[in-house]
Amino acid sequence: MSLGVARKFTSILVGIAALLVLSGCGREGHSAESTPPGLFIDSTTEKFLQKAFEETKACAGMTEGKYEDVSVILMPPVFPCPHYADGCSGEYVRPNSFKVGTLSVWRHEVLHYLLDLKTGDPDVSHANPLFKQCT
């Protein structure tokens, strides 16, 4: 095979490969219909929150509190709060609200809630060893 033919053959193969790769973008069964505007949370996020709530409750050895009784408010990753001048990534607000900017703080905020239910003190000073043990 001559060098010119080999280059053309290689170019054609690269072009076909690019088309195959690009045709995989999106998802199977793609339609031209758009999603309604608004904010949508995937069901796996709520399943994660509920599972982590129950795991934190078990780790803390507490029976008080149900996931179904709490309100979760999604916030920017860092948002203004009364506790820190630089803002918070999560905040438990009595009696049952959670402001969550980062899912990684969820268990921590759940502990504040559970401690508040059990003792009447959400332990804003984080003195309870459960904050290290269960987060």
C-alpha atoms as a PDB file:
ATOM      1  CA  MET A   1       0.000   0.000   0.000  1.00  0.00           C
ATOM      2  CA  SER A   2       1.403   3.368  -0.941  1.00  0.00           C
ATOM      3  CA  LEU A   3       1.933   6.122   1.669  1.00  0.00           C
ATOM      4  CA  GLY A   4      -0.831   8.286   0.157  1.00  0.00           C
ATOM      5  CA  VAL A   5      -3.381   5.451   0.219  1.00  0.00           C
ATOM      6  CA  ALA A   6      -2.404   4.593   3.814  1.00  0.00           C
ATOM      7  CA  ARG A   7      -2.933   8.230   4.888  1.00  0.00           C
ATOM      8  CA  LYS A   8      -6.367   8.363   3.221  1.00  0.00           C
ATOM      9  CA  PHE A   9      -7.326   5.043   4.802  1.00  0.00           C
ATOM     10  CA  THR A  10      -6.172   6.305   8.237  1.00  0.00           C
ATOM     11  CA  SER A  11      -8.136   9.547   7.773  1.00  0.00           C
ATOM     12  CA  ILE A  12     -11.272   7.612   6.898  1.00  0.00           C
ATOM     13  CA  LEU A  13     -10.850   5.352   9.948  1.00  0.00           C
ATOM     14  CA  VAL A  14     -10.330   8.361  12.241  1.00  0.00           C
ATOM     15  CA  GLY A  15     -13.451   9.996  10.779  1.00  0.00           C
ATOM     16  CA  ILE A  16     -15.553   6.871  11.313  1.00  0.00           C
ATOM     17  CA  ALA A  17     -14.227   6.515  14.872  1.00  0.00           C
ATOM     18  CA  ALA A  18     -15.104  10.160  15.598  1.00  0.00           C
ATOM     19  CA  LEU A  19     -18.638   9.660  14.294  1.00  0.00           C
ATOM     20  CA  LEU A  20     -19.084   6.561  16.425  1.00  0.00           C
ATOM     21  CA  VAL A  21     -17.822   8.346  19.534  1.00  0.00           C
ATOM     22  CA  LEU A  22     -19.976  11.417  18.922  1.00  0.00           C
ATOM     23  CA  SER A  23     -23.057   9.334  18.210  1.00  0.00           C
ATOM     24  CA  GLY A  24     -22.762   7.989  21.779  1.00  0.00           C
ATOM     25  CA  CYS A  25     -23.307  11.430  23.330  1.00  0.00           C
ATOM     26  CA  GLY A  26     -26.553  11.850  25.183  1.00  0.00           C
ATOM     27  CA  ARG A  27     -28.636   8.861  26.021  1.00  0.00           C
ATOM     28  CA  GLU A  28     -30.440   6.145  24.194  1.00  0.00           C
ATOM     29  CA  GLY A  29     -33.910   7.075  23.057  1.00  0.00           C
ATOM     30  CA  HIS A  30     -33.119  10.783  22.959  1.00  0.00           C
ATOM     31  CA  SER A  31     -36.017  12.902  21.859  1.00  0.00           C
ATOM     32  CA  ALA A  32     -36.268  16.512  20.803  1.00  0.00           C
ATOM     33  CA  GLU A  33     -38.653  17.279  23.693  1.00  0.00           C
ATOM     34  CA  SER A  34     -37.247  19.613  26.277  1.00  0.00           C
ATOM     35  CA  THR A  35     -37.538  19.217  30.007  1.00  0.00           C
ATOM     36  CA  PRO A  36     -39.826  21.708  31.726  1.00  0.00           C
ATOM     37  CA  PRO A  37     -37.933  24.584  33.339  1.00  0.00           C
ATOM     38  CA  GLY A  38     -37.268  24.377  37.054  1.00  0.00           C
ATOM     39  CA  LEU A  39     -35.088  22.627  39.585  1.00  0.00           C
ATOM     40  CA  PHE A  40     -35.256  18.846  39.691  1.00  0.00           C
ATOM     41  CA  ILE A  41     -33.611  16.533  42.182  1.00  0.00           C
ATOM     42  CA  ASP A  42     -32.849  13.008  41.085  1.00  0.00           C
ATOM     43  CA  SER A  43     -34.547  10.346  43.232  1.00  0.00           C
ATOM     44  CA  THR A  44     -31.157   8.871  44.116  1.00  0.00           C
ATOM     45  CA  THR A  45     -30.338  12.073  46.031  1.00  0.00           C
ATOM     46  CA  GLU A  46     -33.319  11.618  48.330  1.00  0.00           C
ATOM     47  CA  LYS A  47     -32.483   7.920  48.726  1.00  0.00           C
ATOM     48  CA  PHE A  48     -28.930   8.929  49.704  1.00  0.00           C
ATOM     49  CA  LEU A  49     -30.221  11.461  52.256  1.00  0.00           C
ATOM     50  CA  GLN A  50     -32.676   8.985  53.778  1.00  0.00           C
ATOM     51  CA  LYS A  51     -30.112   6.163  53.968  1.00  0.00           C
ATOM     52  CA  ALA A  52     -27.458   8.430  55.488  1.00  0.00           C
ATOM     53  CA  PHE A  53     -30.048   9.723  57.998  1.00  0.00           C
ATOM     54  CA  GLU A  54     -30.837   6.170  59.133  1.00  0.00           C
ATOM     55  CA  GLU A  55     -27.142   5.187  59.238  1.00  0.00           C
ATOM     56  CA  THR A  56     -26.294   8.257  61.322  1.00  0.00           C
ATOM     57  CA  LYS A  57     -29.174   7.530  63.670  1.00  0.00           C
ATOM     58  CA  ALA A  58     -27.958   3.929  64.098  1.00  0.00           C
ATOM     59  CA  CYS A  59     -24.341   5.030  64.617  1.00  0.00           C
ATOM     60  CA  ALA A  60     -25.465   7.476  67.298  1.00  0.00           C
ATOM     61  CA  GLY A  61     -27.597   4.786  68.941  1.00  0.00           C
ATOM     62  CA  MET A  62     -30.670   7.006  68.871  1.00  0.00           C
ATOM     63  CA  THR A  63     -34.271   6.074  68.280  1.00  0.00           C
ATOM     64  CA  GLU A  64     -35.670   9.611  68.134  1.00  0.00           C
ATOM     65  CA  GLY A  65     -36.248  11.307  64.803  1.00  0.00           C
ATOM     66  CA  LYS A  66     -37.644  10.247  61.446  1.00  0.00           C
ATOM     67  CA  TYR A  67     -36.420  11.296  58.023  1.00  0.00           C
ATOM     68  CA  GLU A  68     -40.028  11.871  56.989  1.00  0.00           C
ATOM     69  CA  ASP A  69     -40.304  14.645  59.600  1.00  0.00           C
ATOM     70  CA  VAL A  70     -37.465  16.822  58.304  1.00  0.00           C
ATOM     71  CA  SER A  71     -37.323  19.577  55.714  1.00  0.00           C
ATOM     72  CA  VAL A  72     -34.258  19.792  53.450  1.00  0.00           C
ATOM     73  CA  ILE A  73     -33.419  23.065  51.720  1.00  0.00           C
ATOM     74  CA  LEU A  74     -30.737  22.947  49.028  1.00  0.00           C
ATOM     75  CA  MET A  75     -28.384  25.916  49.220  1.00  0.00           C
ATOM     76  CA  PRO A  76     -25.270  27.130  47.368  1.00  0.00           C
ATOM     77  CA  PRO A  77     -22.062  25.334  48.468  1.00  0.00           C
ATOM     78  CA  VAL A  78     -21.359  28.154  50.952  1.00  0.00           C
ATOM     79  CA  PHE A  79     -24.190  30.362  52.167  1.00  0.00           C
ATOM     80  CA  PRO A  80     -24.613  33.091  54.784  1.00  0.00           C
ATOM     81  CA  CYS A  81     -25.400  31.834  58.268  1.00  0.00           C
ATOM     82  CA  PRO A  82     -25.268  33.236  61.793  1.00  0.00           C
ATOM     83  CA  HIS A  83     -22.574  30.807  62.968  1.00  0.00           C
ATOM     84  CA  TYR A  84     -19.572  31.676  60.778  1.00  0.00           C
ATOM     85  CA  ALA A  85     -18.500  34.941  59.138  1.00  0.00           C
ATOM     86  CA  ASP A  86     -17.342  33.074  56.019  1.00  0.00           C
ATOM     87  CA  GLY A  87     -20.635  31.206  55.706  1.00  0.00           C
ATOM     88  CA  CYS A  88     -21.807  27.622  56.145  1.00  0.00           C
ATOM     89  CA  SER A  89     -21.998  24.498  53.994  1.00  0.00           C
ATOM     90  CA  GLY A  90     -24.771  23.092  56.148  1.00  0.00           C
ATOM     91  CA  GLU A  91     -27.029  24.261  58.947  1.00  0.00           C
ATOM     92  CA  TYR A  92     -29.620  22.634  61.186  1.00  0.00           C
ATOM     93  CA  VAL A  93     -32.427  25.080  61.965  1.00  0.00           C
ATOM     94  CA  ARG A  94     -34.814  24.177  64.766  1.00  0.00           C
ATOM     95  CA  PRO A  95     -37.138  22.449  64.864  1.00  0.00           C
ATOM     96  CA  ASN A  96     -36.691  20.258  61.754  1.00  0.00           C
ATOM     97  CA  SER A  97     -35.030  22.134  58.865  1.00  0.00           C
ATOM     98  CA  PHE A  98     -31.696  21.479  57.235  1.00  0.00           C
ATOM     99  CA  LYS A  99     -29.951  23.889  54.901  1.00  0.00           C
ATOM    100  CA  VAL A 100     -27.548  21.814  52.820  1.00  0.00           C
ATOM    101  CA  GLY A 101     -24.959  23.335  50.503  1.00  0.00           C
ATOM    102  CA  THR A 102     -22.786  20.233  50.274  1.00  0.00           C
ATOM    103  CA  LEU A 103     -24.093  16.695  50.678  1.00  0.00           C
ATOM    104  CA  SER A 104     -20.934  15.731  52.555  1.00  0.00           C
ATOM    105  CA  VAL A 105     -22.174  17.703  55.616  1.00  0.00           C
ATOM    106  CA  TRP A 106     -25.527  15.916  55.759  1.00  0.00           C
ATOM    107  CA  ARG A 107     -24.600  13.428  58.515  1.00  0.00           C
ATOM    108  CA  HIS A 108     -23.098  16.223  60.597  1.00  0.00           C
ATOM    109  CA  GLU A 109     -26.305  18.248  60.425  1.00  0.00           C
ATOM    110  CA  VAL A 110     -28.405  15.158  61.143  1.00  0.00           C
ATOM    111  CA  LEU A 111     -26.412  14.703  64.359  1.00  0.00           C
ATOM    112  CA  HIS A 112     -27.309  18.241  65.452  1.00  0.00           C
ATOM    113  CA  TYR A 113     -30.961  17.367  64.873  1.00  0.00           C
ATOM    114  CA  LEU A 114     -30.807  14.011  66.664  1.00  0.00           C
ATOM    115  CA  LEU A 115     -28.976  15.492  69.649  1.00  0.00           C
ATOM    116  CA  ASP A 116     -31.542  18.284  69.813  1.00  0.00           C
ATOM    117  CA  LEU A 117     -34.391  15.756  69.842  1.00  0.00           C
ATOM    118  CA  LYS A 118     -32.761  13.553  72.481  1.00  0.00           C
ATOM    119  CA  THR A 119     -31.241  16.169  74.811  1.00  0.00           C
ATOM    120  CA  GLY A 120     -32.778  19.508  73.852  1.00  0.00           C
ATOM    121  CA  ASP A 121     -29.271  20.721  72.892  1.00  0.00           C
ATOM    122  CA  PRO A 122     -28.067  20.498  69.262  1.00  0.00           C
ATOM    123  CA  ASP A 123     -24.465  20.890  70.537  1.00  0.00           C
ATOM    124  CA  VAL A 124     -23.362  23.804  68.363  1.00  0.00           C
ATOM    125  CA  SER A 125     -19.930  23.598  70.043  1.00  0.00           C
ATOM    126  CA  HIS A 126     -19.476  20.076  68.594  1.00  0.00           C
ATOM    127  CA  ALA A 127     -18.279  18.681  71.951  1.00  0.00           C
ATOM    128  CA  ASN A 128     -20.113  15.373  71.549  1.00  0.00           C
ATOM    129  CA  PRO A 129     -17.788  12.568  70.333  1.00  0.00           C
ATOM    130  CA  LEU A 130     -20.504  11.415  67.915  1.00  0.00           C
ATOM    131  CA  PHE A 131     -19.445  14.207  65.551  1.00  0.00           C
ATOM    132  CA  LYS A 132     -16.133  12.376  65.013  1.00  0.00           C
ATOM    133  CA  GLN A 133     -17.551   8.898  65.309  1.00  0.00           C
ATOM    134  CA  CYS A 134     -20.535   9.160  62.952  1.00  0.00           C
ATOM    135  CA  THR A 135     -19.507  11.645  60.243  1.00  0.00           C
END
